[in-house]
């Protein structure tokens, strides 16, 4: 049957079309705020392909917890502002400020 495509091929095409659309996961903004794909690759010690995939599927929960621990300024904007203003040090908690 020359005009038909297999179900597997149809699924691959559908996935490729979905990934080329503008429907990135909201975690893509976190990756950008952390310095981009290569910066997150170095922080998490994973392959860049993994981080690129996270832009579409979301950052895995354990990795997200790790990133929040080492870069709280990205997740708590007020903390970043205070740090830039010199109000608190990098490793102090928000409550001790």
Protein backbone atom coordinates (compact mmCIF):
# COMPACT_ATOMS: atom_id res chain seq x y z
CA UNK A 1 0.00 0.00 0.00
CA UNK A 2 2.08 2.84 -1.34
CA UNK A 3 0.01 5.79 -0.07
CA UNK A 4 -0.17 4.73 3.59
CA UNK A 5 2.31 5.43 6.36
CA UNK A 6 2.88 3.33 9.43
CA UNK A 7 1.48 4.31 12.80
CA UNK A 8 5.01 4.64 14.18
CA UNK A 9 6.01 7.04 11.40
CA UNK A 10 2.84 9.06 11.93
CA UNK A 11 3.64 9.37 15.65
CA UNK A 12 7.19 10.51 14.90
CA UNK A 13 5.87 13.15 12.51
CA UNK A 14 3.31 14.33 15.08
CA UNK A 15 5.98 14.64 17.78
CA UNK A 16 8.29 16.55 15.45
CA UNK A 17 5.51 18.95 14.50
CA UNK A 18 4.63 19.51 18.16
CA UNK A 19 8.26 20.25 19.04
CA UNK A 20 8.63 22.77 16.23
CA UNK A 21 5.61 24.74 17.35
CA UNK A 22 5.82 27.58 19.86
CA UNK A 23 4.61 25.37 22.71
CA UNK A 24 7.71 25.24 24.88
CA UNK A 25 7.26 24.30 28.53
CA UNK A 26 7.24 27.21 31.02
CA UNK A 27 10.46 25.77 32.50
CA UNK A 28 12.21 26.99 29.36
CA UNK A 29 12.15 30.46 30.93
CA UNK A 30 13.94 29.08 34.00
CA UNK A 31 16.64 27.59 31.79
CA UNK A 32 17.08 30.98 30.12
CA UNK A 33 17.22 32.75 33.49
CA UNK A 34 19.94 30.35 34.62
CA UNK A 35 22.09 31.31 31.65
CA UNK A 36 20.84 29.01 28.91
CA UNK A 37 21.18 25.40 27.92
CA UNK A 38 24.95 25.15 28.30
CA UNK A 39 24.95 26.81 31.75
CA UNK A 40 22.31 24.39 33.02
CA UNK A 41 24.23 21.52 31.41
CA UNK A 42 27.27 22.45 33.50
CA UNK A 43 25.27 23.02 36.69
CA UNK A 44 23.44 19.68 36.50
CA UNK A 45 26.30 17.72 34.91
CA UNK A 46 24.08 16.33 32.16
CA UNK A 47 24.22 16.32 28.37
CA UNK A 48 23.01 19.40 26.53
CA UNK A 49 20.46 17.23 24.71
CA UNK A 50 18.83 16.51 28.08
CA UNK A 51 18.49 20.19 28.92
CA UNK A 52 17.17 20.92 25.43
CA UNK A 53 14.53 18.25 25.98
CA UNK A 54 13.57 19.88 29.31
CA UNK A 55 12.57 22.98 27.36
CA UNK A 56 9.70 20.87 25.94
CA UNK A 57 8.98 18.41 28.73
CA UNK A 58 9.83 20.44 31.83
CA UNK A 59 12.74 20.17 34.24
CA UNK A 60 12.58 16.90 36.22
CA UNK A 61 11.48 17.47 39.82
CA UNK A 62 14.78 16.39 41.44
CA UNK A 63 16.79 18.65 39.11
CA UNK A 64 14.42 21.54 39.76
CA UNK A 65 14.88 21.12 43.51
CA UNK A 66 18.67 21.14 43.01
CA UNK A 67 18.53 24.28 40.89
CA UNK A 68 16.35 26.03 43.46
CA UNK A 69 18.88 25.15 46.16
CA UNK A 70 21.94 26.44 44.31
CA UNK A 71 20.31 29.42 42.54
CA UNK A 72 17.43 30.70 44.71
CA UNK A 73 17.81 34.15 43.14
CA UNK A 74 16.29 32.83 39.91
CA UNK A 75 13.22 31.52 41.71
CA UNK A 76 12.70 34.33 44.25
CA UNK A 77 13.05 37.68 42.46
CA UNK A 78 12.99 39.71 45.71
CA UNK A 79 15.99 37.75 46.94
CA UNK A 80 17.92 38.63 43.79
CA UNK A 81 17.09 42.32 44.25
CA UNK A 82 18.30 42.30 47.86
CA UNK A 83 21.47 40.48 46.86
CA UNK A 84 22.21 43.02 44.11
CA UNK A 85 21.62 45.82 46.60
CA UNK A 86 24.10 44.20 49.02
CA UNK A 87 21.47 43.67 51.71
CA UNK A 88 22.14 39.94 52.10
CA UNK A 89 24.99 37.62 51.21
CA UNK A 90 24.72 34.85 48.66
CA UNK A 91 24.38 32.02 51.19
CA UNK A 92 22.28 33.69 53.86
CA UNK A 93 18.64 32.78 54.14
CA UNK A 94 15.90 35.27 53.36
CA UNK A 95 14.70 35.21 56.99
CA UNK A 96 18.10 36.24 58.41
CA UNK A 97 18.21 39.41 56.32
